[in-house]
Amino acid sequence: MFAREGANSLRAMAEAAGWMVYSLMNHLSPEIPRVFIRGGVPVALREPVIG
């Protein structure tokens, strides 16, 4: 799970991998569902793209 801040932020993950944030995002599989959270509560779900 990625977060906006802290150890799970995209920036922290990209730095740990030695990649730019843009490159990290491009390597995420479209088959991974995306859950969007606001204020600690899930507000939206994007289903995986399969095909």
C-alpha atoms as a PDB file:
ATOM      1  CA  MET A   1       0.000   0.000   0.000  1.00  0.00           C
ATOM      2  CA  PHE A   2       1.282   3.450  -0.882  1.00  0.00           C
ATOM      3  CA  ALA A   3       0.668   6.538   1.232  1.00  0.00           C
ATOM      4  CA  ARG A   4       1.145  10.263   0.681  1.00  0.00           C
ATOM      5  CA  GLU A   5       3.668  10.565   3.502  1.00  0.00           C
ATOM      6  CA  GLY A   6       5.991   8.411   5.564  1.00  0.00           C
ATOM      7  CA  ALA A   7       7.752   5.134   4.887  1.00  0.00           C
ATOM      8  CA  ASN A   8       5.043   3.961   2.461  1.00  0.00           C
ATOM      9  CA  SER A   9       5.005   7.105   0.348  1.00  0.00           C
ATOM     10  CA  LEU A  10       5.617   6.774  -3.369  1.00  0.00           C
ATOM     11  CA  ARG A  11       8.702   8.926  -3.021  1.00  0.00           C
ATOM     12  CA  ALA A  12      10.162   6.719  -0.250  1.00  0.00           C
ATOM     13  CA  MET A  13       9.458   3.536  -2.225  1.00  0.00           C
ATOM     14  CA  ALA A  14      10.940   4.988  -5.403  1.00  0.00           C
ATOM     15  CA  GLU A  15      14.065   6.169  -3.569  1.00  0.00           C
ATOM     16  CA  ALA A  16      14.491   2.728  -1.959  1.00  0.00           C
ATOM     17  CA  ALA A  17      14.270   1.130  -5.414  1.00  0.00           C
ATOM     18  CA  GLY A  18      16.583   3.727  -6.965  1.00  0.00           C
ATOM     19  CA  TRP A  19      13.812   4.812  -9.368  1.00  0.00           C
ATOM     20  CA  MET A  20      11.884   7.983 -10.113  1.00  0.00           C
ATOM     21  CA  VAL A  21       8.276   8.051  -8.844  1.00  0.00           C
ATOM     22  CA  TYR A  22       7.057   8.128 -12.467  1.00  0.00           C
ATOM     23  CA  SER A  23       8.994   4.937 -13.266  1.00  0.00           C
ATOM     24  CA  LEU A  24       7.623   3.183 -10.197  1.00  0.00           C
ATOM     25  CA  MET A  25       4.052   4.045 -11.155  1.00  0.00           C
ATOM     26  CA  ASN A  26       4.607   2.786 -14.707  1.00  0.00           C
ATOM     27  CA  HIS A  27       5.739  -0.588 -13.379  1.00  0.00           C
ATOM     28  CA  LEU A  28       2.635  -1.237 -11.296  1.00  0.00           C
ATOM     29  CA  SER A  29       0.538  -3.955 -12.855  1.00  0.00           C
ATOM     30  CA  PRO A  30      -2.846  -2.817 -14.193  1.00  0.00           C
ATOM     31  CA  GLU A  31      -4.222  -6.017 -12.632  1.00  0.00           C
ATOM     32  CA  ILE A  32      -3.737  -4.598  -9.109  1.00  0.00           C
ATOM     33  CA  PRO A  33      -6.962  -3.096  -7.754  1.00  0.00           C
ATOM     34  CA  ARG A  34      -6.685   0.495  -6.534  1.00  0.00           C
ATOM     35  CA  VAL A  35      -8.416   1.549  -3.313  1.00  0.00           C
ATOM     36  CA  PHE A  36      -8.549   5.279  -2.688  1.00  0.00           C
ATOM     37  CA  ILE A  37      -8.656   6.307   0.973  1.00  0.00           C
ATOM     38  CA  ARG A  38      -9.617   9.685   2.440  1.00  0.00           C
ATOM     39  CA  GLY A  39      -9.461  10.326   6.172  1.00  0.00           C
ATOM     40  CA  GLY A  40      -8.729   6.664   6.829  1.00  0.00           C
ATOM     41  CA  VAL A  41     -11.910   5.540   5.042  1.00  0.00           C
ATOM     42  CA  PRO A  42     -12.043   3.856   1.608  1.00  0.00           C
ATOM     43  CA  VAL A  43     -13.875   6.213  -0.767  1.00  0.00           C
ATOM     44  CA  ALA A  44     -13.383   4.573  -4.177  1.00  0.00           C
ATOM     45  CA  LEU A  45     -12.262   1.352  -5.818  1.00  0.00           C
ATOM     46  CA  ARG A  46     -10.873   0.973  -9.309  1.00  0.00           C
ATOM     47  CA  GLU A  47     -11.219  -2.594 -10.499  1.00  0.00           C
ATOM     48  CA  PRO A  48      -8.278  -4.295 -12.241  1.00  0.00           C
ATOM     49  CA  VAL A  49      -7.928  -3.953 -15.991  1.00  0.00           C
ATOM     50  CA  ILE A  50      -7.751  -7.461 -17.417  1.00  0.00           C
ATOM     51  CA  GLY A  51      -7.416  -8.241 -21.034  1.00  0.00           C
END
